[in-house]
Amino acid sequence: MTCANADSCAGYADDVADRVLVVDDDATVRDVVARYLGDAGYRVDVAADGESALEAVARERPDAVVLDLMLPGTGGLDVCRALRAGQAPPAIVMLTALGEEDDRIRGLELGADDYVSKPFSPRELVLRIGSVLRRSTSSAAAAGPLVDGELRVDPAARTATLDGAAVALTTREFDLLAFFLVHPGQAFTRAALLAQLWGWEFGDQ
């Protein structure tokens, strides 16, 4: 289903680059988030459950997905896992309740790019989506190719090849690989990686 209502997509041309899928079983949340994203210039699709979300991703190929963890049927974590297993997965911003820290951590470990806790500010959510999309398209774009033996990583094009063959990587996997190539021989804790690469720290609410 495209857009929460007619107003949420009105006035936006088909050549707008970034498309966002909003997945939440609460119609009010879908409408509000879709409206704010539409006002920010994004093309917006919505889904009310996990199955519909996966169908929408396959059909619309969004650049980012706003994903509620508590969904009927196929849960948010399962949707996140399925998206990350596909080719060219979208950026994922999770919506979580304050008491779902374990699920939030699991989601990040599965490859989610960021999270926003409920209740949340729609304006903050839009800013976080913009930040995630900028990271996924232009992170380290000014750097030259990184080479380690037969492994070649191009941060500007966000491509990786091994022995000349393309390597399929999620957004988070690519960021990690490039980071490690820039910091050879150094060890980092998970918390340090989350903070340095994606600005996320345990205890943030």
N, C-alpha and C. Protein backbone atom coordinates (compact mmCIF):
# COMPACT_ATOMS: atom_id res chain seq x y z
N MET A 1 0.86 -1.18 0.00
CA MET A 1 0.00 0.00 0.00
C MET A 1 0.89 1.23 0.00
N THR A 2 0.65 2.18 -0.85
CA THR A 2 1.47 3.37 -0.97
C THR A 2 0.84 4.54 -0.23
N CYS A 3 1.62 5.10 0.74
CA CYS A 3 1.23 6.28 1.50
C CYS A 3 0.11 5.99 2.49
N ALA A 4 0.17 6.74 3.58
CA ALA A 4 -0.86 6.58 4.61
C ALA A 4 -2.16 7.22 4.18
N ASN A 5 -2.07 8.33 3.45
CA ASN A 5 -3.24 9.00 2.94
C ASN A 5 -2.82 9.85 1.75
N ALA A 6 -3.80 10.44 1.09
CA ALA A 6 -3.47 11.18 -0.13
C ALA A 6 -2.54 12.35 0.14
N ASP A 7 -2.70 12.99 1.32
CA ASP A 7 -1.89 14.17 1.61
C ASP A 7 -0.44 13.82 1.85
N SER A 8 -0.15 12.59 2.35
CA SER A 8 1.21 12.27 2.75
C SER A 8 2.15 12.20 1.57
N CYS A 9 1.66 12.00 0.36
CA CYS A 9 2.52 11.93 -0.80
C CYS A 9 2.23 13.02 -1.81
N ALA A 10 1.27 13.87 -1.52
CA ALA A 10 0.88 14.88 -2.50
C ALA A 10 2.02 15.85 -2.76
N GLY A 11 2.23 16.15 -4.04
CA GLY A 11 3.18 17.19 -4.38
C GLY A 11 4.61 16.72 -4.53
N TYR A 12 4.89 15.43 -4.40
CA TYR A 12 6.26 14.96 -4.49
C TYR A 12 6.46 14.22 -5.81
N ALA A 13 7.48 14.66 -6.53
CA ALA A 13 7.72 14.13 -7.86
C ALA A 13 8.26 12.73 -7.80
N ASP A 14 8.10 12.00 -8.90
CA ASP A 14 8.56 10.63 -8.96
C ASP A 14 10.08 10.51 -8.91
N ASP A 15 10.80 11.64 -9.18
CA ASP A 15 12.25 11.53 -9.21
C ASP A 15 12.90 11.80 -7.86
N VAL A 16 12.10 11.94 -6.77
CA VAL A 16 12.68 12.06 -5.45
C VAL A 16 13.44 10.77 -5.16
N ALA A 17 14.68 10.91 -4.71
CA ALA A 17 15.58 9.76 -4.65
C ALA A 17 15.19 8.75 -3.57
N ASP A 18 14.84 9.24 -2.40
CA ASP A 18 14.72 8.33 -1.27
C ASP A 18 13.28 7.93 -0.98
N ARG A 19 13.08 6.63 -0.83
CA ARG A 19 11.76 6.08 -0.55
C ARG A 19 11.82 5.36 0.80
N VAL A 20 10.83 5.59 1.63
CA VAL A 20 10.82 5.02 2.98
C VAL A 20 9.54 4.23 3.20
N LEU A 21 9.69 3.03 3.72
CA LEU A 21 8.55 2.18 4.09
C LEU A 21 8.36 2.27 5.60
N VAL A 22 7.16 2.61 6.04
CA VAL A 22 6.83 2.71 7.46
C VAL A 22 6.02 1.47 7.84
N VAL A 23 6.53 0.69 8.78
CA VAL A 23 5.89 -0.56 9.18
C VAL A 23 5.48 -0.46 10.65
N ASP A 24 4.18 -0.40 10.90
CA ASP A 24 3.68 -0.33 12.27
C ASP A 24 2.22 -0.74 12.26
N ASP A 25 1.79 -1.51 13.27
CA ASP A 25 0.40 -1.95 13.30
C ASP A 25 -0.53 -0.89 13.87
N ASP A 26 0.02 0.21 14.36
CA ASP A 26 -0.79 1.32 14.88
C ASP A 26 -1.03 2.32 13.75
N ALA A 27 -2.27 2.46 13.34
CA ALA A 27 -2.59 3.33 12.21
C ALA A 27 -2.21 4.78 12.48
N THR A 28 -2.36 5.22 13.72
CA THR A 28 -2.00 6.60 14.06
C THR A 28 -0.51 6.84 13.87
N VAL A 29 0.31 5.88 14.32
CA VAL A 29 1.76 6.00 14.15
C VAL A 29 2.11 6.04 12.67
N ARG A 30 1.49 5.15 11.89
CA ARG A 30 1.77 5.14 10.45
C ARG A 30 1.43 6.48 9.82
N ASP A 31 0.26 7.01 10.15
CA ASP A 31 -0.18 8.26 9.55
C ASP A 31 0.74 9.42 9.92
N VAL A 32 1.10 9.51 11.20
CA VAL A 32 1.93 10.62 11.65
C VAL A 32 3.32 10.55 11.03
N VAL A 33 3.93 9.36 11.08
CA VAL A 33 5.27 9.22 10.52
C VAL A 33 5.26 9.46 9.02
N ALA A 34 4.26 8.92 8.32
CA ALA A 34 4.16 9.12 6.88
C ALA A 34 4.02 10.60 6.54
N ARG A 35 3.22 11.32 7.34
CA ARG A 35 3.01 12.74 7.08
C ARG A 35 4.31 13.53 7.25
N TYR A 36 5.03 13.25 8.33
CA TYR A 36 6.29 13.97 8.57
C TYR A 36 7.32 13.64 7.50
N LEU A 37 7.40 12.37 7.11
CA LEU A 37 8.34 12.00 6.05
C LEU A 37 7.95 12.63 4.73
N GLY A 38 6.66 12.64 4.44
CA GLY A 38 6.20 13.28 3.21
C GLY A 38 6.53 14.76 3.19
N ASP A 39 6.34 15.43 4.34
CA ASP A 39 6.67 16.85 4.42
C ASP A 39 8.16 17.09 4.24
N ALA A 40 8.98 16.10 4.58
CA ALA A 40 10.43 16.22 4.43
C ALA A 40 10.89 15.89 3.02
N GLY A 41 9.96 15.47 2.15
CA GLY A 41 10.30 15.23 0.76
C GLY A 41 10.52 13.79 0.37
N TYR A 42 10.26 12.86 1.30
CA TYR A 42 10.43 11.44 0.98
C TYR A 42 9.17 10.88 0.31
N ARG A 43 9.36 9.87 -0.51
CA ARG A 43 8.23 9.07 -0.97
C ARG A 43 7.95 8.03 0.12
N VAL A 44 6.70 7.81 0.44
CA VAL A 44 6.36 7.00 1.61
C VAL A 44 5.39 5.88 1.24
N ASP A 45 5.72 4.68 1.71
CA ASP A 45 4.82 3.54 1.65
C ASP A 45 4.58 3.08 3.08
N VAL A 46 3.47 2.41 3.34
CA VAL A 46 3.17 1.95 4.69
C VAL A 46 2.74 0.49 4.65
N ALA A 47 2.96 -0.19 5.79
CA ALA A 47 2.52 -1.58 5.96
C ALA A 47 2.15 -1.76 7.42
N ALA A 48 1.16 -2.64 7.67
CA ALA A 48 0.64 -2.82 9.02
C ALA A 48 1.13 -4.09 9.70
N ASP A 49 1.82 -4.96 8.98
CA ASP A 49 2.30 -6.20 9.58
C ASP A 49 3.54 -6.68 8.83
N GLY A 50 4.17 -7.72 9.38
CA GLY A 50 5.43 -8.18 8.81
C GLY A 50 5.31 -8.73 7.41
N GLU A 51 4.27 -9.51 7.16
CA GLU A 51 4.10 -10.08 5.83
C GLU A 51 3.92 -9.00 4.77
N SER A 52 3.07 -8.01 5.09
CA SER A 52 2.86 -6.91 4.14
C SER A 52 4.14 -6.10 3.94
N ALA A 53 4.93 -5.98 5.00
CA ALA A 53 6.18 -5.24 4.90
C ALA A 53 7.14 -5.91 3.92
N LEU A 54 7.29 -7.22 4.03
CA LEU A 54 8.20 -7.94 3.14
C LEU A 54 7.71 -7.86 1.69
N GLU A 55 6.40 -7.94 1.50
CA GLU A 55 5.85 -7.80 0.15
C GLU A 55 6.12 -6.40 -0.41
N ALA A 56 5.96 -5.38 0.44
CA ALA A 56 6.19 -4.01 0.00
C ALA A 56 7.65 -3.77 -0.34
N VAL A 57 8.56 -4.35 0.44
CA VAL A 57 9.99 -4.19 0.15
C VAL A 57 10.33 -4.82 -1.19
N ALA A 58 9.79 -6.02 -1.45
CA ALA A 58 10.06 -6.69 -2.72
C ALA A 58 9.48 -5.90 -3.89
N ARG A 59 8.36 -5.24 -3.66
CA ARG A 59 7.68 -4.52 -4.74
C ARG A 59 8.24 -3.12 -4.94
N GLU A 60 8.47 -2.39 -3.87
CA GLU A 60 8.81 -0.97 -3.96
C GLU A 60 10.29 -0.67 -3.84
N ARG A 61 11.08 -1.61 -3.31
CA ARG A 61 12.53 -1.42 -3.14
C ARG A 61 12.84 -0.11 -2.41
N PRO A 62 12.37 0.06 -1.17
CA PRO A 62 12.62 1.32 -0.46
C PRO A 62 14.10 1.48 -0.11
N ASP A 63 14.50 2.72 0.09
CA ASP A 63 15.86 3.01 0.53
C ASP A 63 16.01 2.80 2.03
N ALA A 64 14.92 2.97 2.76
CA ALA A 64 14.94 2.79 4.21
C ALA A 64 13.61 2.24 4.69
N VAL A 65 13.66 1.54 5.82
CA VAL A 65 12.45 0.99 6.43
C VAL A 65 12.40 1.42 7.89
N VAL A 66 11.28 2.02 8.29
CA VAL A 66 11.01 2.31 9.70
C VAL A 66 10.23 1.11 10.22
N LEU A 67 10.82 0.36 11.14
CA LEU A 67 10.30 -0.97 11.48
C LEU A 67 9.95 -1.08 12.96
N ASP A 68 8.67 -1.22 13.25
CA ASP A 68 8.23 -1.50 14.62
C ASP A 68 8.58 -2.95 14.95
N LEU A 69 9.08 -3.19 16.17
CA LEU A 69 9.43 -4.56 16.54
C LEU A 69 8.21 -5.40 16.90
N MET A 70 7.20 -4.76 17.49
CA MET A 70 6.03 -5.51 17.95
C MET A 70 4.96 -5.51 16.86
N LEU A 71 5.04 -6.50 15.99
CA LEU A 71 4.11 -6.60 14.87
C LEU A 71 3.31 -7.89 14.97
N PRO A 72 2.06 -7.88 14.49
CA PRO A 72 1.30 -9.13 14.43
C PRO A 72 1.86 -10.06 13.37
N GLY A 73 1.75 -11.36 13.60
CA GLY A 73 2.27 -12.31 12.62
C GLY A 73 3.78 -12.34 12.65
N THR A 74 4.41 -12.10 11.53
CA THR A 74 5.86 -12.05 11.45
C THR A 74 6.37 -10.82 12.20
N GLY A 75 7.15 -11.06 13.24
CA GLY A 75 7.60 -9.97 14.10
C GLY A 75 8.68 -9.12 13.46
N GLY A 76 8.95 -7.98 14.08
CA GLY A 76 9.92 -7.05 13.54
C GLY A 76 11.32 -7.62 13.41
N LEU A 77 11.75 -8.40 14.41
CA LEU A 77 13.08 -8.99 14.33
C LEU A 77 13.19 -9.96 13.16
N ASP A 78 12.13 -10.73 12.91
CA ASP A 78 12.13 -11.65 11.77
C ASP A 78 12.14 -10.89 10.46
N VAL A 79 11.43 -9.77 10.41
CA VAL A 79 11.45 -8.93 9.20
C VAL A 79 12.85 -8.37 8.98
N CYS A 80 13.47 -7.90 10.06
CA CYS A 80 14.83 -7.37 9.97
C CYS A 80 15.78 -8.43 9.45
N ARG A 81 15.67 -9.64 9.99
CA ARG A 81 16.55 -10.74 9.55
C ARG A 81 16.33 -11.05 8.07
N ALA A 82 15.07 -11.08 7.64
CA ALA A 82 14.77 -11.38 6.24
C ALA A 82 15.30 -10.29 5.32
N LEU A 83 15.16 -9.04 5.72
CA LEU A 83 15.65 -7.94 4.88
C LEU A 83 17.16 -8.01 4.73
N ARG A 84 17.85 -8.29 5.82
CA ARG A 84 19.31 -8.34 5.76
C ARG A 84 19.82 -9.54 4.97
N ALA A 85 19.00 -10.56 4.82
CA ALA A 85 19.40 -11.73 4.04
C ALA A 85 19.24 -11.52 2.55
N GLY A 86 18.50 -10.47 2.16
CA GLY A 86 18.26 -10.22 0.75
C GLY A 86 19.38 -9.42 0.11
N GLN A 87 19.28 -9.24 -1.19
CA GLN A 87 20.26 -8.45 -1.92
C GLN A 87 19.90 -6.97 -1.81
N ALA A 88 20.93 -6.13 -1.72
CA ALA A 88 20.76 -4.68 -1.61
C ALA A 88 19.72 -4.32 -0.56
N PRO A 89 19.92 -4.75 0.69
CA PRO A 89 18.93 -4.47 1.73
C PRO A 89 18.82 -2.99 2.04
N PRO A 90 17.62 -2.53 2.43
CA PRO A 90 17.46 -1.11 2.77
C PRO A 90 18.05 -0.81 4.13
N ALA A 91 18.25 0.46 4.40
CA ALA A 91 18.60 0.88 5.76
C ALA A 91 17.38 0.63 6.65
N ILE A 92 17.63 0.29 7.92
CA ILE A 92 16.55 -0.04 8.84
C ILE A 92 16.66 0.79 10.10
N VAL A 93 15.57 1.51 10.43
CA VAL A 93 15.47 2.24 11.69
C VAL A 93 14.35 1.58 12.49
N MET A 94 14.70 1.00 13.63
CA MET A 94 13.71 0.29 14.44
C MET A 94 12.95 1.24 15.34
N LEU A 95 11.67 0.93 15.56
CA LEU A 95 10.87 1.58 16.58
C LEU A 95 10.69 0.58 17.72
N THR A 96 11.11 0.95 18.94
CA THR A 96 11.03 0.02 20.07
C THR A 96 10.41 0.71 21.27
N ALA A 97 9.78 -0.09 22.13
CA ALA A 97 9.31 0.42 23.41
C ALA A 97 10.50 0.51 24.36
N LEU A 98 10.38 1.37 25.36
CA LEU A 98 11.50 1.59 26.27
C LEU A 98 11.95 0.32 26.97
N GLY A 99 11.01 -0.61 27.21
CA GLY A 99 11.35 -1.82 27.94
C GLY A 99 11.89 -2.94 27.08
N GLU A 100 12.14 -2.70 25.81
CA GLU A 100 12.55 -3.76 24.89
C GLU A 100 14.04 -3.70 24.58
N GLU A 101 14.88 -3.44 25.61
CA GLU A 101 16.30 -3.25 25.35
C GLU A 101 16.94 -4.50 24.74
N ASP A 102 16.57 -5.69 25.25
CA ASP A 102 17.16 -6.91 24.70
C ASP A 102 16.82 -7.07 23.22
N ASP A 103 15.55 -6.80 22.86
CA ASP A 103 15.15 -6.90 21.46
C ASP A 103 15.86 -5.84 20.62
N ARG A 104 16.05 -4.65 21.21
CA ARG A 104 16.73 -3.58 20.50
C ARG A 104 18.17 -4.00 20.17
N ILE A 105 18.85 -4.58 21.16
CA ILE A 105 20.23 -5.03 20.93
C ILE A 105 20.25 -6.13 19.89
N ARG A 106 19.29 -7.06 19.97
CA ARG A 106 19.23 -8.13 18.97
C ARG A 106 19.02 -7.56 17.58
N GLY A 107 18.16 -6.55 17.48
CA GLY A 107 17.91 -5.93 16.18
C GLY A 107 19.16 -5.30 15.61
N LEU A 108 19.92 -4.60 16.44
CA LEU A 108 21.17 -4.00 15.98
C LEU A 108 22.16 -5.06 15.55
N GLU A 109 22.20 -6.15 16.30
CA GLU A 109 23.10 -7.24 15.93
C GLU A 109 22.67 -7.91 14.62
N LEU A 110 21.37 -7.89 14.34
CA LEU A 110 20.88 -8.46 13.09
C LEU A 110 21.14 -7.55 11.89
N GLY A 111 21.51 -6.30 12.16
CA GLY A 111 21.85 -5.41 11.05
C GLY A 111 21.04 -4.14 10.96
N ALA A 112 20.17 -3.86 11.95
CA ALA A 112 19.46 -2.58 11.95
C ALA A 112 20.47 -1.45 12.07
N ASP A 113 20.18 -0.33 11.43
CA ASP A 113 21.12 0.78 11.40
C ASP A 113 20.94 1.77 12.53
N ASP A 114 19.75 1.84 13.11
CA ASP A 114 19.50 2.78 14.20
C ASP A 114 18.20 2.37 14.86
N TYR A 115 17.88 3.02 15.98
CA TYR A 115 16.62 2.74 16.66
C TYR A 115 16.09 4.03 17.26
N VAL A 116 14.79 4.08 17.43
CA VAL A 116 14.11 5.18 18.11
C VAL A 116 13.14 4.56 19.10
N SER A 117 13.18 5.02 20.35
CA SER A 117 12.31 4.46 21.38
C SER A 117 10.96 5.17 21.42
N LYS A 118 9.92 4.38 21.62
CA LYS A 118 8.58 4.93 21.82
C LYS A 118 8.38 5.31 23.28
N PRO A 119 7.68 6.40 23.58
CA PRO A 119 7.14 7.40 22.64
C PRO A 119 8.29 8.20 22.03
N PHE A 120 8.09 8.67 20.79
CA PHE A 120 9.18 9.31 20.08
C PHE A 120 8.72 10.61 19.43
N SER A 121 9.69 11.41 19.08
CA SER A 121 9.42 12.64 18.35
C SER A 121 9.48 12.35 16.85
N PRO A 122 8.41 12.57 16.10
CA PRO A 122 8.45 12.34 14.65
C PRO A 122 9.55 13.14 13.97
N ARG A 123 9.82 14.34 14.46
CA ARG A 123 10.88 15.16 13.86
C ARG A 123 12.24 14.50 14.08
N GLU A 124 12.47 13.95 15.27
CA GLU A 124 13.73 13.26 15.53
C GLU A 124 13.85 12.03 14.64
N LEU A 125 12.74 11.31 14.47
CA LEU A 125 12.76 10.13 13.63
C LEU A 125 13.15 10.48 12.20
N VAL A 126 12.59 11.55 11.66
CA VAL A 126 12.92 11.99 10.31
C VAL A 126 14.40 12.34 10.22
N LEU A 127 14.94 13.00 11.23
CA LEU A 127 16.36 13.35 11.23
C LEU A 127 17.23 12.11 11.27
N ARG A 128 16.83 11.12 12.07
CA ARG A 128 17.60 9.89 12.16
C ARG A 128 17.58 9.12 10.83
N ILE A 129 16.43 9.12 10.17
CA ILE A 129 16.35 8.46 8.86
C ILE A 129 17.28 9.15 7.87
N GLY A 130 17.26 10.47 7.87
CA GLY A 130 18.15 11.21 6.99
C GLY A 130 19.60 10.90 7.27
N SER A 131 19.96 10.79 8.56
CA SER A 131 21.34 10.49 8.93
C SER A 131 21.74 9.10 8.46
N VAL A 132 20.84 8.13 8.65
CA VAL A 132 21.13 6.75 8.21
C VAL A 132 21.31 6.69 6.70
N LEU A 133 20.44 7.38 5.97
CA LEU A 133 20.54 7.36 4.52
C LEU A 133 21.82 8.04 4.04
N ARG A 134 22.22 9.12 4.70
CA ARG A 134 23.48 9.77 4.32
C ARG A 134 24.66 8.85 4.57
N ARG A 135 24.64 8.14 5.69
CA ARG A 135 25.74 7.22 5.99
C ARG A 135 25.80 6.11 4.95
N SER A 136 24.64 5.62 4.55
CA SER A 136 24.62 4.48 3.64
C SER A 136 25.03 4.84 2.22
N THR A 137 24.91 6.12 1.87
CA THR A 137 25.22 6.52 0.49
C THR A 137 26.54 7.27 0.36
N SER A 138 27.00 7.90 1.46
CA SER A 138 28.18 8.74 1.30
C SER A 138 29.24 8.56 2.36
N SER A 139 29.09 7.55 3.22
CA SER A 139 30.10 7.34 4.25
C SER A 139 31.46 7.08 3.63
N ALA A 140 32.41 7.85 4.03
CA ALA A 140 33.78 7.73 3.55
C ALA A 140 33.89 7.86 2.04
N ALA A 141 32.96 8.62 1.44
CA ALA A 141 32.95 8.74 -0.02
C ALA A 141 34.20 9.43 -0.54
N ALA A 142 34.81 10.28 0.29
CA ALA A 142 36.00 11.00 -0.17
C ALA A 142 37.25 10.14 -0.13
N ALA A 143 37.20 9.03 0.56
CA ALA A 143 38.38 8.18 0.68
C ALA A 143 38.62 7.39 -0.60
N GLY A 144 39.88 7.06 -0.85
CA GLY A 144 40.19 6.23 -2.00
C GLY A 144 39.90 4.77 -1.71
N PRO A 145 40.03 3.91 -2.71
CA PRO A 145 39.79 2.48 -2.51
C PRO A 145 40.71 1.91 -1.44
N LEU A 146 40.19 0.97 -0.67
CA LEU A 146 40.96 0.28 0.37
C LEU A 146 41.29 -1.11 -0.14
N VAL A 147 42.56 -1.46 -0.08
CA VAL A 147 43.01 -2.73 -0.66
C VAL A 147 43.77 -3.53 0.39
N ASP A 148 43.43 -4.81 0.51
CA ASP A 148 44.15 -5.74 1.38
C ASP A 148 44.26 -7.06 0.63
N GLY A 149 45.41 -7.30 0.00
CA GLY A 149 45.56 -8.49 -0.83
C GLY A 149 44.61 -8.44 -2.00
N GLU A 150 43.77 -9.47 -2.14
CA GLU A 150 42.82 -9.53 -3.24
C GLU A 150 41.49 -8.86 -2.90
N LEU A 151 41.39 -8.33 -1.68
CA LEU A 151 40.17 -7.65 -1.26
C LEU A 151 40.29 -6.16 -1.60
N ARG A 152 39.28 -5.62 -2.30
CA ARG A 152 39.27 -4.21 -2.67
C ARG A 152 37.91 -3.63 -2.27
N VAL A 153 37.95 -2.56 -1.48
CA VAL A 153 36.74 -1.90 -1.01
C VAL A 153 36.77 -0.45 -1.49
N ASP A 154 35.70 -0.03 -2.16
CA ASP A 154 35.59 1.34 -2.65
C ASP A 154 34.54 2.06 -1.83
N PRO A 155 34.95 2.91 -0.84
CA PRO A 155 33.97 3.59 0.01
C PRO A 155 33.06 4.53 -0.77
N ALA A 156 33.58 5.16 -1.82
CA ALA A 156 32.76 6.11 -2.57
C ALA A 156 31.62 5.40 -3.28
N ALA A 157 31.93 4.27 -3.92
CA ALA A 157 30.90 3.50 -4.64
C ALA A 157 30.19 2.51 -3.73
N ARG A 158 30.73 2.32 -2.51
CA ARG A 158 30.22 1.33 -1.56
C ARG A 158 30.13 -0.04 -2.20
N THR A 159 31.24 -0.47 -2.80
CA THR A 159 31.33 -1.79 -3.40
C THR A 159 32.55 -2.50 -2.84
N ALA A 160 32.50 -3.81 -2.84
CA ALA A 160 33.62 -4.63 -2.38
C ALA A 160 33.79 -5.79 -3.34
N THR A 161 35.05 -6.11 -3.67
CA THR A 161 35.35 -7.26 -4.53
C THR A 161 36.45 -8.09 -3.89
N LEU A 162 36.39 -9.38 -4.11
CA LEU A 162 37.41 -10.31 -3.65
C LEU A 162 37.81 -11.18 -4.83
N ASP A 163 39.09 -11.12 -5.19
CA ASP A 163 39.57 -11.81 -6.40
C ASP A 163 38.77 -11.38 -7.62
N GLY A 164 38.35 -10.13 -7.64
CA GLY A 164 37.62 -9.59 -8.78
C GLY A 164 36.14 -9.86 -8.77
N ALA A 165 35.65 -10.66 -7.81
CA ALA A 165 34.22 -10.99 -7.74
C ALA A 165 33.54 -10.10 -6.71
N ALA A 166 32.34 -9.63 -7.03
CA ALA A 166 31.60 -8.75 -6.12
C ALA A 166 31.23 -9.49 -4.85
N VAL A 167 31.32 -8.79 -3.73
CA VAL A 167 30.95 -9.34 -2.42
C VAL A 167 29.68 -8.63 -1.97
N ALA A 168 28.63 -9.40 -1.68
CA ALA A 168 27.36 -8.82 -1.23
C ALA A 168 27.44 -8.53 0.27
N LEU A 169 27.26 -7.27 0.64
CA LEU A 169 27.35 -6.86 2.03
C LEU A 169 26.16 -5.99 2.41
N THR A 170 25.70 -6.11 3.63
CA THR A 170 24.68 -5.19 4.13
C THR A 170 25.34 -3.85 4.42
N THR A 171 24.51 -2.84 4.67
CA THR A 171 25.04 -1.52 5.01
C THR A 171 25.98 -1.59 6.20
N ARG A 172 25.56 -2.28 7.25
CA ARG A 172 26.37 -2.38 8.46
C ARG A 172 27.64 -3.18 8.21
N GLU A 173 27.53 -4.26 7.46
CA GLU A 173 28.72 -5.07 7.16
C GLU A 173 29.75 -4.28 6.36
N PHE A 174 29.27 -3.48 5.40
CA PHE A 174 30.20 -2.68 4.61
C PHE A 174 30.91 -1.66 5.50
N ASP A 175 30.14 -0.99 6.37
CA ASP A 175 30.74 -0.01 7.27
C ASP A 175 31.81 -0.65 8.15
N LEU A 176 31.52 -1.83 8.67
CA LEU A 176 32.48 -2.53 9.52
C LEU A 176 33.74 -2.91 8.75
N LEU A 177 33.56 -3.45 7.55
CA LEU A 177 34.70 -3.87 6.75
C LEU A 177 35.61 -2.69 6.42
N ALA A 178 35.01 -1.59 5.98
CA ALA A 178 35.80 -0.41 5.66
C ALA A 178 36.51 0.13 6.90
N PHE A 179 35.82 0.12 8.02
CA PHE A 179 36.41 0.62 9.26
C PHE A 179 37.62 -0.22 9.66
N PHE A 180 37.49 -1.54 9.56
CA PHE A 180 38.62 -2.41 9.94
C PHE A 180 39.80 -2.25 8.98
N LEU A 181 39.53 -2.02 7.71
CA LEU A 181 40.62 -1.82 6.76
C LEU A 181 41.36 -0.51 7.03
N VAL A 182 40.62 0.48 7.52
CA VAL A 182 41.26 1.76 7.85
C VAL A 182 42.03 1.66 9.17
N HIS A 183 41.67 0.71 10.02
CA HIS A 183 42.32 0.54 11.33
C HIS A 183 42.91 -0.87 11.45
N PRO A 184 43.88 -1.22 10.61
CA PRO A 184 44.43 -2.59 10.65
C PRO A 184 45.16 -2.87 11.97
N GLY A 185 45.00 -4.11 12.45
CA GLY A 185 45.72 -4.53 13.65
C GLY A 185 45.16 -4.00 14.95
N GLN A 186 44.05 -3.27 14.91
CA GLN A 186 43.46 -2.72 16.13
C GLN A 186 42.22 -3.51 16.53
N ALA A 187 42.02 -3.64 17.83
CA ALA A 187 40.86 -4.35 18.36
C ALA A 187 39.89 -3.34 18.96
N PHE A 188 38.59 -3.60 18.76
CA PHE A 188 37.55 -2.71 19.27
C PHE A 188 36.47 -3.53 19.95
N THR A 189 35.94 -3.00 21.04
CA THR A 189 34.79 -3.64 21.66
C THR A 189 33.55 -3.37 20.83
N ARG A 190 32.51 -4.15 21.04
CA ARG A 190 31.25 -3.93 20.33
C ARG A 190 30.70 -2.54 20.63
N ALA A 191 30.79 -2.12 21.92
CA ALA A 191 30.29 -0.79 22.28
C ALA A 191 31.05 0.30 21.55
N ALA A 192 32.37 0.13 21.41
CA ALA A 192 33.18 1.13 20.72
C ALA A 192 32.81 1.21 19.25
N LEU A 193 32.56 0.06 18.64
CA LEU A 193 32.16 0.06 17.22
C LEU A 193 30.81 0.73 17.03
N LEU A 194 29.86 0.42 17.90
CA LEU A 194 28.54 1.03 17.80
C LEU A 194 28.63 2.55 17.93
N ALA A 195 29.48 3.01 18.86
CA ALA A 195 29.60 4.45 19.09
C ALA A 195 30.34 5.14 17.96
N GLN A 196 31.46 4.55 17.49
CA GLN A 196 32.28 5.22 16.49
C GLN A 196 31.67 5.18 15.09
N LEU A 197 31.04 4.05 14.76
CA LEU A 197 30.49 3.91 13.41
C LEU A 197 29.10 4.50 13.27
N TRP A 198 28.26 4.30 14.29
CA TRP A 198 26.86 4.67 14.11
C TRP A 198 26.33 5.60 15.20
N GLY A 199 27.20 6.06 16.12
CA GLY A 199 26.79 7.02 17.11
C GLY A 199 25.82 6.49 18.15
N TRP A 200 25.80 5.16 18.33
CA TRP A 200 24.86 4.55 19.27
C TRP A 200 25.62 4.08 20.49
N GLU A 201 25.07 4.37 21.68
CA GLU A 201 25.71 3.94 22.92
C GLU A 201 24.69 3.25 23.79
N PHE A 202 25.12 2.18 24.46
CA PHE A 202 24.22 1.49 25.39
C PHE A 202 23.81 2.45 26.49
N GLY A 203 22.53 2.41 26.85
CA GLY A 203 22.02 3.32 27.85
C GLY A 203 21.33 4.51 27.24
N ASP A 204 21.53 4.75 25.91
CA ASP A 204 20.82 5.85 25.25
C ASP A 204 19.33 5.55 25.25
N GLN A 205 18.53 6.55 25.46
CA GLN A 205 17.08 6.39 25.41
C GLN A 205 16.50 7.46 24.53
